[in-house]
Protein backbone atom coordinates (compact mmCIF):
# COMPACT_ATOMS: atom_id res chain seq x y z
CA MET A 1 0.00 0.00 0.00
CA THR A 2 1.41 3.39 -0.98
CA ALA A 3 1.80 6.14 1.61
CA TYR A 4 0.09 9.34 0.56
CA ALA A 5 0.39 13.01 1.46
CA PRO A 6 -2.12 15.34 -0.24
CA HIS A 7 -0.75 17.84 -2.75
CA GLY A 8 0.45 21.00 -1.05
CA THR A 9 0.35 19.51 2.43
CA ALA A 10 3.66 17.76 2.83
CA SER A 11 3.42 17.86 6.62
CA SER A 12 0.05 16.15 6.72
CA PRO A 13 -0.13 12.64 8.22
CA ALA A 14 0.30 9.85 5.69
CA PHE A 15 -2.73 7.81 4.70
CA SER A 16 -2.90 4.47 2.94
CA ARG A 17 -3.86 4.95 -0.69
CA ARG A 18 -7.13 3.08 -0.35
CA SER A 19 -8.10 4.87 2.88
CA PHE A 20 -7.47 8.22 1.22
CA LEU A 21 -9.60 7.34 -1.79
CA LYS A 22 -12.47 6.26 0.45
CA LEU A 23 -12.35 9.57 2.29
CA ALA A 24 -11.66 11.95 -0.58
CA GLY A 25 -13.62 10.58 -3.50
CA GLY A 26 -16.77 8.97 -2.21
CA VAL A 27 -18.49 6.44 -4.44
CA ALA A 28 -21.77 5.87 -6.20
CA SER A 29 -23.07 2.92 -8.12
CA VAL A 30 -21.71 2.62 -11.66
CA ALA A 31 -25.17 2.16 -13.09
CA ALA A 32 -26.45 5.39 -11.54
CA VAL A 33 -23.58 7.58 -12.78
CA ALA A 34 -22.52 6.09 -16.10
CA GLY A 35 -25.53 7.45 -17.94
CA CYS A 36 -25.56 10.88 -16.33
CA THR A 37 -25.64 14.15 -18.25
CA PRO A 38 -23.68 17.26 -17.23
CA ARG A 39 -25.28 19.38 -14.49
CA PRO A 40 -24.24 22.86 -13.36
CA LEU A 41 -21.16 22.61 -11.16
CA ALA A 42 -22.35 25.42 -8.88
CA SER A 43 -25.37 23.45 -7.64
CA GLU A 44 -23.12 20.72 -6.30
CA ALA A 45 -20.86 23.25 -4.62
CA GLN A 46 -23.82 24.99 -2.97
CA ARG A 47 -25.24 21.72 -1.70
CA THR A 48 -22.08 20.07 -0.37
CA GLY A 49 -19.60 22.91 0.13
CA LYS A 50 -16.12 22.50 -1.36
CA ILE A 51 -15.98 19.56 -3.74
CA GLN A 52 -13.11 17.13 -3.25
CA LEU A 53 -11.56 15.12 -6.07
CA ALA A 54 -8.90 12.43 -5.95
CA PHE A 55 -6.52 12.59 -8.93
CA GLN A 56 -4.07 9.77 -9.66
CA ASP A 57 -1.13 10.04 -12.04
CA CYS A 58 2.45 8.83 -12.35
CA ARG A 59 4.97 9.32 -9.55
CA CYS A 60 6.91 11.89 -11.58
CA LEU A 61 6.10 15.04 -9.61
CA GLY A 62 6.40 18.31 -11.43
CA GLU A 63 3.40 19.29 -13.48
CA GLN A 64 1.06 18.48 -10.56
CA PHE A 65 2.11 21.75 -8.96
CA LEU A 66 -0.01 23.48 -11.62
CA LEU A 67 -3.04 22.23 -9.71
CA GLN A 68 -2.79 25.43 -7.70
CA ASP A 69 -3.79 27.23 -10.91
CA PHE A 70 -6.80 24.96 -11.22
CA HIS A 71 -7.76 25.73 -7.63
CA GLY A 72 -7.51 29.43 -8.45
CA VAL A 73 -10.00 29.11 -11.29
CA HIS A 74 -12.21 26.66 -9.39
CA PRO A 75 -12.10 27.70 -5.71
CA ASP A 76 -15.04 25.41 -4.95
CA ILE A 77 -13.05 22.30 -6.01
CA GLU A 78 -10.15 20.81 -4.08
CA VAL A 79 -7.97 18.28 -5.90
CA PHE A 80 -5.81 15.79 -4.02
CA TYR A 81 -3.01 14.17 -6.01
CA THR A 82 -2.12 10.53 -5.29
CA PRO A 83 0.70 8.70 -7.11
CA GLU A 84 0.14 5.51 -9.05
CA PRO A 85 0.83 2.32 -7.07
CA ASP A 86 3.77 0.13 -8.04
CA ASP A 87 1.48 -2.71 -9.11
CA PHE A 88 -0.64 -0.32 -11.15
CA GLU A 89 -2.84 -2.73 -13.13
CA ASP A 90 -3.73 -5.04 -10.23
CA SER A 91 -4.22 -2.26 -7.67
CA MET A 92 -6.33 -0.15 -9.99
CA LEU A 93 -8.52 -3.10 -10.97
CA ALA A 94 -9.06 -3.90 -7.29
CA ASP A 95 -9.97 -0.26 -6.56
CA LEU A 96 -12.35 -0.11 -9.51
CA GLN A 97 -14.02 -3.35 -8.47
CA GLY A 98 -14.16 -2.22 -4.84
CA GLY A 99 -15.67 1.18 -5.62
CA VAL A 100 -12.72 3.19 -4.26
CA ALA A 101 -11.01 4.35 -7.46
CA PRO A 102 -9.83 7.97 -7.86
CA ASP A 103 -12.26 10.35 -9.52
CA VAL A 104 -9.79 11.16 -12.30
CA PHE A 105 -6.76 9.09 -13.29
CA ALA A 106 -4.28 8.44 -16.05
CA GLY A 107 -4.10 5.14 -17.89
CA CYS A 108 -2.48 3.64 -20.93
CA CYS A 109 -2.41 1.06 -23.64
CA ASP A 110 -4.83 -1.83 -23.11
CA THR A 111 -5.77 -0.99 -19.50
CA LEU A 112 -8.14 1.86 -20.33
CA PRO A 113 -10.07 -0.08 -23.02
CA ILE A 114 -10.41 -3.08 -20.71
CA TRP A 115 -11.74 -0.92 -17.88
CA ALA A 116 -14.12 0.80 -20.29
CA GLN A 117 -15.41 -2.57 -21.50
CA LYS A 118 -16.05 -3.56 -17.89
CA GLY A 119 -18.08 -0.40 -17.28
CA TYR A 120 -15.64 1.33 -14.90
CA LEU A 121 -15.11 4.52 -16.95
CA LEU A 122 -17.46 7.44 -17.51
CA ASP A 123 -18.65 8.22 -21.03
CA LEU A 124 -17.18 11.63 -21.86
CA ARG A 125 -19.20 12.24 -25.01
CA PRO A 126 -21.86 14.49 -23.40
CA PHE A 127 -19.13 16.69 -21.95
CA VAL A 128 -17.04 16.77 -25.12
CA GLU A 129 -20.00 17.56 -27.34
CA SER A 130 -21.21 20.40 -25.16
CA ASP A 131 -17.99 21.82 -23.74
CA LEU A 132 -14.93 21.19 -25.92
CA ALA A 133 -13.89 23.41 -28.81
CA ARG A 134 -13.40 21.84 -32.22
CA GLU A 135 -9.98 23.45 -32.50
CA THR A 136 -8.89 21.55 -29.39
CA ILE A 137 -9.96 18.21 -30.86
CA ASP A 138 -8.23 19.05 -34.15
CA ASP A 139 -5.00 19.76 -32.24
CA TRP A 140 -4.83 16.08 -31.26
CA ASN A 141 -3.70 13.30 -33.58
CA GLU A 142 -6.86 11.76 -35.04
CA ALA A 143 -5.71 8.15 -34.59
CA GLN A 144 -4.88 8.73 -30.93
CA TYR A 145 -8.12 10.61 -30.29
CA ARG A 146 -10.22 7.86 -31.90
CA SER A 147 -8.45 5.20 -29.85
CA PHE A 148 -10.36 6.40 -26.78
CA PHE A 149 -13.70 5.19 -28.16
CA THR A 150 -15.18 1.73 -27.72
CA ALA A 151 -16.66 -0.14 -30.68
CA GLU A 152 -20.08 0.99 -29.44
CA GLY A 153 -19.08 4.65 -29.55
CA MET A 154 -18.45 5.34 -25.87
CA GLN A 155 -15.65 7.87 -25.31
CA PHE A 156 -13.70 6.87 -22.21
CA ALA A 157 -10.65 9.18 -22.13
CA LEU A 158 -8.85 12.16 -23.64
CA PRO A 159 -5.17 12.24 -24.70
CA LYS A 160 -2.53 12.82 -22.02
CA TYR A 161 0.57 12.87 -24.21
CA HIS A 162 1.60 11.49 -27.60
CA GLY A 163 4.49 9.08 -27.28
CA SER A 164 5.95 7.89 -30.59
CA LEU A 165 8.08 4.84 -31.24
CA ALA A 166 11.47 5.28 -32.91
CA LEU A 167 14.86 3.58 -33.19
CA TYR A 168 17.47 4.82 -30.71
CA TYR A 169 21.07 3.96 -31.52
CA ASN A 170 24.47 4.20 -29.87
CA LYS A 171 26.62 6.36 -32.15
CA ASP A 172 29.83 5.22 -30.43
CA ILE A 173 29.15 1.59 -31.34
CA PHE A 174 28.30 2.43 -34.95
CA ASP A 175 31.47 4.52 -35.24
CA ARG A 176 33.57 1.82 -33.61
CA TYR A 177 32.54 -0.69 -36.28
CA ARG A 178 32.49 1.92 -39.06
CA LEU A 179 28.83 1.40 -39.86
CA ALA A 180 26.44 3.95 -41.34
CA TYR A 181 23.87 5.32 -38.93
CA PRO A 182 20.22 4.28 -39.27
CA SER A 183 18.32 6.58 -41.63
CA GLU A 184 14.79 7.46 -42.66
CA ASP A 185 15.23 5.21 -45.70
CA TRP A 186 15.59 2.07 -43.62
CA THR A 187 13.11 -0.74 -44.09
CA HIS A 188 13.12 -3.94 -42.09
CA THR A 189 15.53 -5.32 -44.72
CA GLU A 190 18.21 -2.70 -43.96
CA TYR A 191 17.42 -3.02 -40.26
CA LEU A 192 18.13 -6.76 -40.26
CA GLU A 193 21.28 -6.39 -42.36
CA ALA A 194 22.64 -3.77 -39.96
CA MET A 195 21.89 -6.04 -37.00
CA ARG A 196 23.81 -8.86 -38.65
CA ARG A 197 26.83 -6.62 -39.27
CA ILE A 198 26.84 -5.29 -35.71
CA LYS A 199 26.61 -8.74 -34.16
CA ALA A 200 29.32 -10.15 -36.44
CA ALA A 201 31.66 -7.23 -35.70
CA ALA A 202 31.03 -7.49 -31.96
CA GLU A 203 31.75 -11.21 -31.87
CA ALA A 204 34.89 -10.72 -33.97
CA ALA A 205 36.03 -8.19 -31.37
CA GLY A 206 35.28 -10.60 -28.53
CA GLN A 207 32.17 -8.72 -27.38
CA SER A 208 29.66 -11.56 -27.39
CA GLY A 209 27.53 -9.72 -24.83
CA LEU A 210 26.69 -6.92 -27.26
CA TRP A 211 23.38 -7.30 -29.05
CA ALA A 212 22.25 -5.38 -32.10
CA SER A 213 18.74 -4.45 -30.98
CA MET A 214 15.76 -5.33 -28.80
CA PHE A 215 12.02 -4.71 -28.52
CA GLU A 216 9.60 -4.98 -25.62
CA VAL A 217 7.44 -8.09 -25.84
CA ALA A 218 4.15 -6.24 -25.52
CA TRP A 219 0.92 -5.98 -27.49
CA GLU A 220 1.39 -2.68 -29.28
CA ARG A 221 5.19 -3.12 -29.75
CA ILE A 222 4.58 -6.30 -31.75
CA GLN A 223 1.50 -4.91 -33.45
CA VAL A 224 3.43 -2.02 -35.04
CA HIS A 225 5.61 -4.55 -36.86
CA VAL A 226 2.49 -6.41 -38.02
CA ASN A 227 1.05 -3.13 -39.32
CA GLY A 228 4.24 -2.67 -41.35
CA TRP A 229 3.43 -5.95 -43.11
CA ASN A 230 -0.05 -4.49 -43.76
CA GLY A 231 -1.47 -6.87 -41.19
CA HIS A 232 -3.66 -6.41 -38.13
CA PHE A 233 -4.40 -8.10 -34.84
CA VAL A 234 -8.06 -7.05 -34.96
CA ASP A 235 -10.32 -6.91 -37.99
CA PRO A 236 -10.59 -3.13 -38.61
CA ALA A 237 -14.30 -3.55 -39.36
CA ASP A 238 -15.21 -5.92 -36.51
CA ALA A 239 -13.65 -5.91 -33.03
CA THR A 240 -14.86 -9.46 -32.41
CA ARG A 241 -12.81 -10.98 -35.25
CA SER A 242 -9.12 -11.84 -34.96
CA TRP A 243 -6.64 -11.42 -37.78
CA MET A 244 -3.67 -12.55 -35.69
CA GLY A 245 -3.52 -15.84 -37.56
CA ARG A 246 -3.46 -14.29 -41.03
CA PRO A 247 -0.32 -14.54 -43.22
CA GLU A 248 0.69 -10.88 -42.85
CA ALA A 249 0.57 -10.98 -39.06
CA LEU A 250 2.35 -14.34 -38.91
CA ALA A 251 5.10 -13.12 -41.27
CA ALA A 252 5.84 -10.07 -39.12
CA MET A 253 5.85 -12.05 -35.89
CA GLU A 254 8.12 -14.64 -37.48
CA TRP A 255 10.56 -11.91 -38.55
CA LEU A 256 10.87 -10.91 -34.90
CA ARG A 257 11.18 -14.49 -33.65
CA ALA A 258 13.84 -15.35 -36.23
CA ALA A 259 15.87 -12.24 -35.37
CA ILE A 260 16.03 -13.41 -31.75
CA TRP A 261 16.33 -17.18 -31.97
CA ASP A 262 17.60 -18.00 -35.49
CA GLU A 263 19.76 -15.02 -36.42
CA ARG A 264 20.70 -14.34 -32.76
CA VAL A 265 21.05 -10.62 -33.44
CA MET A 266 18.17 -9.34 -31.32
CA ALA A 267 18.26 -9.87 -27.57
CA SER A 268 15.61 -11.63 -25.55
CA LYS A 269 15.18 -10.67 -21.91
CA LEU A 270 17.14 -13.79 -20.99
CA ASP A 271 20.13 -12.44 -22.94
CA VAL A 272 20.26 -9.21 -20.91
CA ALA A 273 19.61 -10.58 -17.42
CA ASN A 274 15.87 -9.76 -17.60
CA ALA A 275 16.56 -6.06 -18.09
CA GLU A 276 13.99 -3.89 -19.82
CA PRO A 277 15.09 -2.88 -23.35
CA ARG A 278 15.65 0.75 -22.33
CA ASP A 279 17.88 -0.24 -19.42
CA ALA A 280 19.86 -2.70 -21.53
CA PHE A 281 20.47 0.06 -24.07
CA ILE A 282 21.54 2.58 -21.42
CA ARG A 283 24.09 0.21 -19.93
CA GLY A 284 25.62 -0.47 -23.36
CA SER A 285 24.35 -4.00 -24.01
CA LEU A 286 22.48 -2.95 -27.16
CA ALA A 287 23.56 -1.00 -30.23
CA MET A 288 19.95 -0.05 -30.96
CA VAL A 289 16.62 -0.25 -29.19
CA GLU A 290 13.00 0.15 -30.26
CA ASP A 291 11.61 2.63 -27.78
CA GLY A 292 9.59 5.81 -27.65
CA SER A 293 9.80 9.48 -26.82
CA TRP A 294 8.62 8.59 -23.30
CA ALA A 295 12.07 7.06 -22.75
CA LEU A 296 13.95 10.14 -23.91
CA ARG A 297 14.62 11.73 -20.53
CA ASP A 298 15.93 8.52 -18.95
CA ILE A 299 18.20 7.83 -21.91
CA LEU A 300 19.56 11.39 -22.06
CA GLU A 301 20.20 11.45 -18.32
CA GLN A 302 21.74 8.00 -17.90
CA ALA A 303 23.53 7.02 -21.11
CA ASP A 304 27.27 7.77 -21.17
CA PHE A 305 27.54 7.58 -24.97
CA ARG A 306 26.41 9.68 -27.93
CA ILE A 307 22.80 9.04 -28.86
CA GLY A 308 21.03 9.04 -32.20
CA VAL A 309 17.37 8.63 -33.09
CA ALA A 310 15.99 7.40 -36.42
CA PRO A 311 12.46 6.75 -37.70
CA PHE A 312 11.03 3.33 -36.96
CA PRO A 313 12.00 1.15 -39.97
CA ALA A 314 9.30 0.77 -42.60
CA GLY A 315 7.78 -2.64 -43.14
CA PRO A 316 7.57 -4.43 -46.48
CA ALA A 317 4.12 -2.98 -47.15
CA ARG A 318 3.97 0.38 -45.36
CA ARG A 319 5.53 2.72 -42.82
CA ALA A 320 4.01 2.73 -39.36
CA THR A 321 4.98 3.90 -35.93
CA LEU A 322 3.25 3.58 -32.62
CA ALA A 323 1.27 6.40 -31.05
CA THR A 324 0.71 5.65 -27.39
CA THR A 325 -2.78 5.79 -25.97
CA ASP A 326 -2.02 7.41 -22.63
CA GLY A 327 -5.06 9.32 -21.51
CA PHE A 328 -7.00 10.86 -18.65
CA ALA A 329 -10.27 9.17 -17.67
CA ILE A 330 -13.04 9.67 -15.12
CA TYR A 331 -14.20 6.88 -12.83
CA ALA A 332 -17.79 5.94 -13.61
CA GLY A 333 -18.54 5.81 -9.89
CA THR A 334 -17.49 9.36 -9.11
CA GLN A 335 -20.03 11.44 -7.20
CA GLN A 336 -18.72 14.60 -8.87
CA PRO A 337 -18.74 14.03 -12.66
CA GLU A 338 -19.00 17.73 -13.56
CA ALA A 339 -16.11 18.72 -11.30
CA ALA A 340 -14.09 15.77 -12.61
CA TRP A 341 -14.74 16.97 -16.17
CA GLU A 342 -13.45 20.43 -15.30
CA LEU A 343 -10.25 18.78 -14.05
CA VAL A 344 -9.89 16.67 -17.21
CA LYS A 345 -10.26 19.80 -19.34
CA PHE A 346 -7.48 21.42 -17.32
CA LEU A 347 -5.21 18.34 -17.55
CA THR A 348 -5.59 18.18 -21.34
CA GLY A 349 -5.10 21.92 -21.82
CA LEU A 350 -2.10 23.66 -23.33
CA GLU A 351 -0.56 24.82 -20.04
CA TYR A 352 -0.63 21.41 -18.41
CA GLY A 353 0.67 19.79 -21.60
CA ARG A 354 3.56 22.25 -21.63
CA ALA A 355 4.23 21.50 -17.96
CA MET A 356 4.40 17.74 -18.64
CA ALA A 357 6.81 18.42 -21.47
CA GLU A 358 9.02 20.48 -19.17
CA ALA A 359 8.88 18.21 -16.12
CA GLN A 360 9.09 14.82 -17.85
CA LEU A 361 10.00 15.59 -21.48
CA LEU A 362 6.75 13.90 -22.49
CA GLN A 363 5.94 14.56 -26.13
CA PRO A 364 2.75 16.66 -26.12
CA ALA A 365 -0.51 15.28 -27.42
CA ARG A 366 -1.32 18.74 -28.76
CA ALA A 367 0.43 19.30 -32.08
CA SER A 368 0.68 23.03 -31.37
CA LEU A 369 3.08 22.27 -28.51
CA ILE A 370 5.60 20.20 -30.48
CA LYS A 371 7.91 23.15 -31.15
CA ASP A 372 7.89 24.06 -27.44
CA TRP A 373 8.76 20.47 -26.55
CA THR A 374 11.78 20.26 -28.87
CA GLU A 375 13.08 23.55 -27.47
CA LEU A 376 12.65 22.28 -23.90
CA VAL A 377 14.61 19.10 -24.69
CA ARG A 378 17.53 21.08 -26.09
CA GLU A 379 17.45 23.62 -23.26
CA GLN A 380 17.53 20.95 -20.56
CA TYR A 381 20.05 18.63 -22.26
CA PRO A 382 22.12 20.81 -24.62
CA THR A 383 25.07 18.41 -24.77
CA GLN A 384 23.28 15.07 -24.73
CA ALA A 385 20.62 16.15 -27.26
CA GLU A 386 23.13 17.64 -29.69
CA GLY A 387 22.71 16.10 -33.12
CA ILE A 388 19.49 14.24 -32.23
CA ASP A 389 16.74 14.70 -34.80
CA LEU A 390 13.79 15.23 -32.46
CA ALA A 391 11.47 15.74 -35.43
CA VAL A 392 11.57 11.96 -35.84
CA PHE A 393 9.22 11.56 -32.89
CA ALA A 394 6.63 13.93 -34.33
CA ALA A 395 6.81 12.65 -37.91
CA GLY A 396 4.15 9.95 -37.49
CA GLN A 397 1.94 12.32 -35.53
CA ILE A 398 2.11 15.04 -38.18
CA GLY A 399 2.43 12.75 -41.21
CA GLY A 400 -0.56 10.61 -40.28
CA TYR A 401 1.12 7.20 -40.26
CA ALA A 402 1.09 6.68 -36.51
CA VAL A 403 -1.01 3.72 -35.37
CA THR A 404 -2.56 2.96 -32.00
CA ALA A 405 -3.11 -0.28 -30.13
CA GLU A 406 -5.81 -2.40 -31.74
CA VAL A 407 -8.46 -3.49 -29.26
CA PHE A 408 -10.77 -6.50 -29.23
CA ALA A 409 -14.31 -6.28 -27.90
CA ASN A 410 -13.14 -8.58 -25.09
CA MET A 411 -9.60 -7.28 -24.66
CA SER A 412 -8.92 -8.82 -21.26
CA VAL A 413 -8.95 -12.41 -22.52
CA ALA A 414 -7.15 -11.50 -25.75
CA ARG A 415 -4.31 -9.86 -23.85
CA GLU A 416 -3.77 -12.79 -21.52
CA LEU A 417 -3.80 -15.40 -24.30
CA ALA A 418 -1.37 -13.39 -26.43
CA ARG A 419 0.98 -12.65 -23.52
CA ALA A 420 1.28 -16.33 -22.64
CA ALA A 421 2.02 -17.30 -26.24
CA TRP A 422 4.55 -14.52 -26.81
CA GLU A 423 6.47 -15.49 -23.69
CA GLN A 424 6.94 -18.95 -25.16
CA ILE A 425 7.78 -17.63 -28.63
CA TYR A 426 10.01 -14.64 -27.88
CA THR A 427 11.25 -14.79 -24.30
CA LEU A 428 11.84 -18.54 -24.00
CA GLY A 429 12.14 -19.55 -27.65
CA GLN A 430 10.10 -22.68 -27.02
CA ALA A 431 7.22 -22.23 -29.47
CA SER A 432 6.76 -21.42 -33.15
CA VAL A 433 4.82 -18.48 -34.49
CA GLU A 434 2.25 -20.91 -35.87
CA THR A 435 1.08 -21.12 -32.25
CA MET A 436 -0.62 -17.78 -32.90
CA MET A 437 -3.07 -19.42 -35.29
CA THR A 438 -4.56 -21.37 -32.39
CA VAL A 439 -4.32 -18.32 -30.14
CA SER A 440 -6.19 -16.30 -32.75
CA GLU A 441 -8.99 -18.86 -32.83
CA ARG A 442 -9.24 -18.88 -29.03
CA ILE A 443 -9.32 -15.08 -28.88
CA GLU A 444 -12.10 -14.93 -31.44
CA ALA A 445 -14.07 -17.63 -29.61
CA ALA A 446 -13.90 -15.53 -26.41
CA GLN A 447 -15.43 -12.46 -28.04
CA PRO A 448 -19.04 -11.43 -27.41
CA VAL A 449 -21.55 -12.39 -30.07
CA PRO A 450 -22.49 -9.30 -32.10
CA ALA A 451 -26.05 -8.14 -31.51
CA SER A 452 -26.79 -8.53 -35.23
CA SER A 453 -25.97 -12.25 -34.98
CA GLN A 454 -28.25 -12.90 -32.03
CA GLY A 455 -31.68 -14.35 -32.65
């Protein structure tokens, strides 16, 4: 259980996270709140006095200090910040199930869609339609914005930041072996050839512990390769149908498997002592790593070598890069939906986006802030960021080829089945990619029957 001290009251006694949420947020039944429509905020304030909201976000303090500005504009609302627990997914699911979740919280990837499918998130459409300017929506990447809708049209979050996947590389290693740096012209063919050359040169120099590259074995990190083969995990027209067993998806997943276990140029977690790809790159075990702009600050701060960044290599059929789906959502059981909406508007505004960029170097979700972000990176890390083409991270966002995580109608089961299979295929090297054909069938069998197919 995480100790908690409310924002701005460092000397206050510590509370357990769950105890704080019970006191600060209050709860109501999901059924009673999920279908609500916006009501005037002032009526709630007059009836109950100062409204209290619990707000949960990452442990990276910095931008949360802007909450004082929110309090200035909304003196009848008091926001208490609580950091995310270490075991985020399990703790949040328990809080959601137990009715003690924060009023407003950040989420990512497949967690938010799963919670939305289970009915734990508030539908934001009435608020967006009545209270959000079109120019604000247009400032977000369309693919990322649309990722926060269920197949039924419920809108469960708004963008927090726009992380983009790229290829980091260690310039010192490339120079040592006299190899050309990765470029925007690279496809997976050039990528694989470079990995072979790096591994061969390293072994010839007696550096068998140096690996050419690595990726995180995770849903969207594998999916972006599949998209490059013009494949999909989910049928774009039907979230209950799986395309994971189709030739394009299998070919991309086999390319990754072969690079690890046949070519032995990509590292598995077993090859780097179970380190995360970012950490293995920072400590010099990798010449390249597939990672995103969210990793930029850690890499700039911790790496003791010259860093380069190149676009994610194009696949045989198309260019794609990942746009993260980090967003801010409102708990469906909140007793203060209107106040929570005011907070979400503030969190997704320009000032808070700029503050996240400054405090954490998070790439803004708002396209109008990209220039500010690149300037902040170079101001904070003038030496480390020298020569890094930061425009690489925004290229997919601006160019329209960024993709987001594909989501099944029943994502919870799909995620667990895929994770188990990928551990055998990629981490342990004990299964073939053809395993995914059976996995695909099982995922599709676990999906809800479309209403049109019911008698």
